[in-house]
C-alpha cells in the first residue's frame, strides 16, 4: 500500500484532518478539551506550525504538526496515525519529515512531549517506545505541566550530530 506525505497549507483542511484522526484515537486522545485545543492549534499559519499528512488511497491516515520554538528548536506539537496503520513505518516517516524540516531551517533539536511512564497507560508505553526507537531521549518529567493525573515526559532528539 503506497502512501504519500503531503504538506497541508489550508487551516480548515489541517483542522479537519487533525479532528478526524484524533477522534479516531480515543485511547490516546480521549480528552475533549485537548482535541479542541489541538485542532485550534494546528490552524496557526506557517512557518510556525507546518503540517504534514500521510495520504493512502486519497484519504489521510496520519499527520504531524510541527511547532517552531526558536531558531534552534522545534517540537512535534501533535501527531496521530490511525491505529490500523500503526507499526508499518508511517510514524517513522513523519518524524523523518519533521527532522528534514528542522535541518532545512538550521535547527539543532526536535522535541516532543508525551505521557510519562509513572502513568500506567499501556498505549502511551508504546508511544514512548516508538519515540525512543526513532532516536528521542527522555530529558525531564514535568508532573504538573498538563495536570496531576497526566505527568508530562519531555524528550529531545539532537539533529546536529
C-alpha atoms as a PDB file:
ATOM      1  CA  UNK A   1       0.000   0.000   0.000  1.00  0.00           C
ATOM      2  CA  UNK A   2       1.642   3.195  -1.211  1.00  0.00           C
ATOM      3  CA  UNK A   3       1.489   6.262   0.942  1.00  0.00           C
ATOM      4  CA  UNK A   4       2.371   9.867   0.240  1.00  0.00           C
ATOM      5  CA  UNK A   5       3.390  12.533   2.748  1.00  0.00           C
ATOM      6  CA  UNK A   6       1.906  15.838   1.728  1.00  0.00           C
ATOM      7  CA  UNK A   7       2.327  19.274   3.308  1.00  0.00           C
ATOM      8  CA  UNK A   8      -1.064  20.788   4.069  1.00  0.00           C
ATOM      9  CA  UNK A   9      -1.422  24.578   3.943  1.00  0.00           C
ATOM     10  CA  UNK A  10      -5.114  25.359   4.441  1.00  0.00           C
ATOM     11  CA  UNK A  11      -6.211  25.988   8.025  1.00  0.00           C
ATOM     12  CA  UNK A  12      -9.590  24.306   7.519  1.00  0.00           C
ATOM     13  CA  UNK A  13      -8.024  21.212   5.962  1.00  0.00           C
ATOM     14  CA  UNK A  14      -5.474  20.967   8.805  1.00  0.00           C
ATOM     15  CA  UNK A  15      -8.272  21.238  11.351  1.00  0.00           C
ATOM     16  CA  UNK A  16     -10.403  18.624   9.594  1.00  0.00           C
ATOM     17  CA  UNK A  17      -7.578  16.069   9.344  1.00  0.00           C
ATOM     18  CA  UNK A  18      -6.483  16.634  12.938  1.00  0.00           C
ATOM     19  CA  UNK A  19     -10.023  16.419  14.315  1.00  0.00           C
ATOM     20  CA  UNK A  20     -10.958  13.232  12.446  1.00  0.00           C
ATOM     21  CA  UNK A  21      -7.764  11.366  13.271  1.00  0.00           C
ATOM     22  CA  UNK A  22      -7.572  12.385  16.943  1.00  0.00           C
ATOM     23  CA  UNK A  23     -11.230  11.432  17.470  1.00  0.00           C
ATOM     24  CA  UNK A  24     -10.465   8.016  15.943  1.00  0.00           C
ATOM     25  CA  UNK A  25      -7.765   7.506  18.615  1.00  0.00           C
ATOM     26  CA  UNK A  26      -9.662   7.681  21.941  1.00  0.00           C
ATOM     27  CA  UNK A  27      -7.060   5.529  23.723  1.00  0.00           C
ATOM     28  CA  UNK A  28      -4.546   8.348  23.169  1.00  0.00           C
ATOM     29  CA  UNK A  29      -6.726  11.419  22.709  1.00  0.00           C
ATOM     30  CA  UNK A  30      -9.727  10.838  24.939  1.00  0.00           C
ATOM     31  CA  UNK A  31      -9.971  14.308  26.493  1.00  0.00           C
ATOM     32  CA  UNK A  32     -12.345  16.542  24.516  1.00  0.00           C
ATOM     33  CA  UNK A  33     -10.691  19.774  25.655  1.00  0.00           C
ATOM     34  CA  UNK A  34      -7.306  18.527  24.392  1.00  0.00           C
ATOM     35  CA  UNK A  35      -8.727  17.608  20.982  1.00  0.00           C
ATOM     36  CA  UNK A  36     -10.334  21.041  20.652  1.00  0.00           C
ATOM     37  CA  UNK A  37      -7.058  22.731  21.669  1.00  0.00           C
ATOM     38  CA  UNK A  38      -5.010  20.693  19.182  1.00  0.00           C
ATOM     39  CA  UNK A  39      -7.468  21.353  16.355  1.00  0.00           C
ATOM     40  CA  UNK A  40      -7.304  25.100  17.066  1.00  0.00           C
ATOM     41  CA  UNK A  41      -3.520  24.961  17.379  1.00  0.00           C
ATOM     42  CA  UNK A  42      -2.827  23.270  14.051  1.00  0.00           C
ATOM     43  CA  UNK A  43      -4.684  26.022  12.222  1.00  0.00           C
ATOM     44  CA  UNK A  44      -1.994  28.584  13.049  1.00  0.00           C
ATOM     45  CA  UNK A  45      -0.148  29.839   9.994  1.00  0.00           C
ATOM     46  CA  UNK A  46       3.215  28.580   8.759  1.00  0.00           C
ATOM     47  CA  UNK A  47       6.135  28.758   9.243  1.00  0.00           C
ATOM     48  CA  UNK A  48       5.274  28.470  12.934  1.00  0.00           C
ATOM     49  CA  UNK A  49       3.346  25.211  12.533  1.00  0.00           C
ATOM     50  CA  UNK A  50       3.955  23.239   9.364  1.00  0.00           C
ATOM     51  CA  UNK A  51       1.554  20.330   8.970  1.00  0.00           C
ATOM     52  CA  UNK A  52       2.141  17.090   7.082  1.00  0.00           C
ATOM     53  CA  UNK A  53      -0.455  14.422   6.299  1.00  0.00           C
ATOM     54  CA  UNK A  54       0.004  10.820   5.229  1.00  0.00           C
ATOM     55  CA  UNK A  55      -2.348  10.017   2.366  1.00  0.00           C
ATOM     56  CA  UNK A  56      -3.268   6.463   1.364  1.00  0.00           C
ATOM     57  CA  UNK A  57      -5.717   5.919  -1.480  1.00  0.00           C
ATOM     58  CA  UNK A  58      -6.735   9.574  -1.344  1.00  0.00           C
ATOM     59  CA  UNK A  59      -7.540   9.639   2.380  1.00  0.00           C
ATOM     60  CA  UNK A  60      -5.490  10.953   5.318  1.00  0.00           C
ATOM     61  CA  UNK A  61      -4.445   8.194   7.735  1.00  0.00           C
ATOM     62  CA  UNK A  62      -1.963  10.169   9.817  1.00  0.00           C
ATOM     63  CA  UNK A  63      -0.494  13.604  10.362  1.00  0.00           C
ATOM     64  CA  UNK A  64       2.061  15.609  12.289  1.00  0.00           C
ATOM     65  CA  UNK A  65       2.158  19.284  13.205  1.00  0.00           C
ATOM     66  CA  UNK A  66       5.474  20.959  13.996  1.00  0.00           C
ATOM     67  CA  UNK A  67       5.720  23.924  16.350  1.00  0.00           C
ATOM     68  CA  UNK A  68       8.792  26.127  15.962  1.00  0.00           C
ATOM     69  CA  UNK A  69      10.024  27.429  19.323  1.00  0.00           C
ATOM     70  CA  UNK A  70      13.122  29.345  18.226  1.00  0.00           C
ATOM     71  CA  UNK A  71      15.949  29.196  15.701  1.00  0.00           C
ATOM     72  CA  UNK A  72      17.394  26.103  17.436  1.00  0.00           C
ATOM     73  CA  UNK A  73      14.354  24.013  18.357  1.00  0.00           C
ATOM     74  CA  UNK A  74      11.055  22.733  17.011  1.00  0.00           C
ATOM     75  CA  UNK A  75       8.560  20.391  18.643  1.00  0.00           C
ATOM     76  CA  UNK A  76       6.270  17.671  17.416  1.00  0.00           C
ATOM     77  CA  UNK A  77       3.190  19.586  18.523  1.00  0.00           C
ATOM     78  CA  UNK A  78       0.755  16.757  17.825  1.00  0.00           C
ATOM     79  CA  UNK A  79       0.917  13.566  15.801  1.00  0.00           C
ATOM     80  CA  UNK A  80      -1.694  10.922  15.156  1.00  0.00           C
ATOM     81  CA  UNK A  81      -1.868   7.827  12.985  1.00  0.00           C
ATOM     82  CA  UNK A  82      -4.978   5.690  12.646  1.00  0.00           C
ATOM     83  CA  UNK A  83      -4.451   2.584  14.761  1.00  0.00           C
ATOM     84  CA  UNK A  84      -4.823   0.154  11.858  1.00  0.00           C
ATOM     85  CA  UNK A  85      -1.708   1.787  10.345  1.00  0.00           C
ATOM     86  CA  UNK A  86       0.469   1.542  13.467  1.00  0.00           C
ATOM     87  CA  UNK A  87       3.653  -0.483  13.079  1.00  0.00           C
ATOM     88  CA  UNK A  88       4.088  -0.059   9.326  1.00  0.00           C
ATOM     89  CA  UNK A  89       6.601   2.787   9.274  1.00  0.00           C
ATOM     90  CA  UNK A  90       4.283   5.770   8.874  1.00  0.00           C
ATOM     91  CA  UNK A  91       5.264   7.289  12.216  1.00  0.00           C
ATOM     92  CA  UNK A  92       8.945   6.953  11.418  1.00  0.00           C
ATOM     93  CA  UNK A  93       8.408   8.651   8.055  1.00  0.00           C
ATOM     94  CA  UNK A  94       6.527  11.512   9.726  1.00  0.00           C
ATOM     95  CA  UNK A  95       9.327  12.006  12.255  1.00  0.00           C
ATOM     96  CA  UNK A  96      11.880  11.982   9.407  1.00  0.00           C
ATOM     97  CA  UNK A  97       9.797  14.664   7.667  1.00  0.00           C
ATOM     98  CA  UNK A  98       9.909  16.783  10.838  1.00  0.00           C
ATOM     99  CA  UNK A  99      13.666  16.269  11.074  1.00  0.00           C
ATOM    100  CA  UNK A 100      14.125  17.323   7.439  1.00  0.00           C
ATOM    101  CA  UNK A 101      12.108  20.489   8.107  1.00  0.00           C
ATOM    102  CA  UNK A 102      14.278  21.289  11.140  1.00  0.00           C
ATOM    103  CA  UNK A 103      17.552  20.646   9.339  1.00  0.00           C
ATOM    104  CA  UNK A 104      16.427  22.714   6.343  1.00  0.00           C
ATOM    105  CA  UNK A 105      15.758  25.608   8.725  1.00  0.00           C
ATOM    106  CA  UNK A 106      19.047  25.227  10.623  1.00  0.00           C
ATOM    107  CA  UNK A 107      17.548  23.829  13.831  1.00  0.00           C
ATOM    108  CA  UNK A 108      19.516  21.515  16.095  1.00  0.00           C
ATOM    109  CA  UNK A 109      16.799  19.915  18.211  1.00  0.00           C
ATOM    110  CA  UNK A 110      13.431  18.275  17.730  1.00  0.00           C
ATOM    111  CA  UNK A 111      11.402  17.730  20.896  1.00  0.00           C
ATOM    112  CA  UNK A 112       8.164  16.026  21.875  1.00  0.00           C
ATOM    113  CA  UNK A 113       6.029  15.744  24.980  1.00  0.00           C
ATOM    114  CA  UNK A 114       4.122  12.600  25.932  1.00  0.00           C
ATOM    115  CA  UNK A 115       2.661  10.887  28.955  1.00  0.00           C
ATOM    116  CA  UNK A 116       5.318   9.782  31.452  1.00  0.00           C
ATOM    117  CA  UNK A 117       5.816   6.146  32.461  1.00  0.00           C
ATOM    118  CA  UNK A 118       4.646   6.928  36.002  1.00  0.00           C
ATOM    119  CA  UNK A 119       1.161   6.771  34.453  1.00  0.00           C
ATOM    120  CA  UNK A 120       0.207   3.123  33.772  1.00  0.00           C
ATOM    121  CA  UNK A 121      -1.359   3.667  30.320  1.00  0.00           C
ATOM    122  CA  UNK A 122      -0.246   0.790  28.042  1.00  0.00           C
ATOM    123  CA  UNK A 123      -0.874   2.766  24.831  1.00  0.00           C
ATOM    124  CA  UNK A 124       1.470   5.526  25.924  1.00  0.00           C
ATOM    125  CA  UNK A 125       4.056   2.908  26.881  1.00  0.00           C
ATOM    126  CA  UNK A 126       4.048   2.011  23.159  1.00  0.00           C
ATOM    127  CA  UNK A 127       4.277   5.710  22.277  1.00  0.00           C
ATOM    128  CA  UNK A 128       7.358   6.174  24.462  1.00  0.00           C
ATOM    129  CA  UNK A 129       8.984   3.087  22.922  1.00  0.00           C
ATOM    130  CA  UNK A 130       8.292   4.475  19.457  1.00  0.00           C
ATOM    131  CA  UNK A 131       9.886   7.851  20.221  1.00  0.00           C
ATOM    132  CA  UNK A 132      12.930   6.205  21.770  1.00  0.00           C
ATOM    133  CA  UNK A 133      13.237   3.844  18.767  1.00  0.00           C
ATOM    134  CA  UNK A 134      13.437   6.837  16.412  1.00  0.00           C
ATOM    135  CA  UNK A 135      16.165   8.477  18.483  1.00  0.00           C
ATOM    136  CA  UNK A 136      14.476  10.641  21.105  1.00  0.00           C
ATOM    137  CA  UNK A 137      15.979  10.717  24.593  1.00  0.00           C
ATOM    138  CA  UNK A 138      13.929  11.408  27.736  1.00  0.00           C
ATOM    139  CA  UNK A 139      15.153  14.613  29.361  1.00  0.00           C
ATOM    140  CA  UNK A 140      12.770  15.579  32.137  1.00  0.00           C
ATOM    141  CA  UNK A 141       9.397  14.850  33.704  1.00  0.00           C
ATOM    142  CA  UNK A 142       7.038  17.741  34.399  1.00  0.00           C
ATOM    143  CA  UNK A 143       4.472  16.217  36.775  1.00  0.00           C
ATOM    144  CA  UNK A 144       2.088  19.192  36.724  1.00  0.00           C
ATOM    145  CA  UNK A 145       2.528  20.671  33.225  1.00  0.00           C
ATOM    146  CA  UNK A 146      -0.760  19.232  31.974  1.00  0.00           C
ATOM    147  CA  UNK A 147      -2.274  18.200  35.314  1.00  0.00           C
ATOM    148  CA  UNK A 148      -1.577  15.869  38.227  1.00  0.00           C
ATOM    149  CA  UNK A 149      -3.255  12.899  36.512  1.00  0.00           C
ATOM    150  CA  UNK A 150      -1.172  13.321  33.328  1.00  0.00           C
ATOM    151  CA  UNK A 151       2.553  13.717  34.065  1.00  0.00           C
ATOM    152  CA  UNK A 152       4.463  15.048  31.052  1.00  0.00           C
ATOM    153  CA  UNK A 153       7.660  13.433  29.766  1.00  0.00           C
ATOM    154  CA  UNK A 154       9.824  15.802  27.715  1.00  0.00           C
ATOM    155  CA  UNK A 155      12.013  14.101  25.077  1.00  0.00           C
ATOM    156  CA  UNK A 156      14.503  15.535  22.596  1.00  0.00           C
ATOM    157  CA  UNK A 157      16.487  14.454  19.580  1.00  0.00           C
ATOM    158  CA  UNK A 158      19.781  16.118  18.657  1.00  0.00           C
ATOM    159  CA  UNK A 159      19.776  16.701  14.894  1.00  0.00           C
ATOM    160  CA  UNK A 160      23.240  18.300  14.773  1.00  0.00           C
ATOM    161  CA  UNK A 161      25.161  15.030  15.101  1.00  0.00           C
END
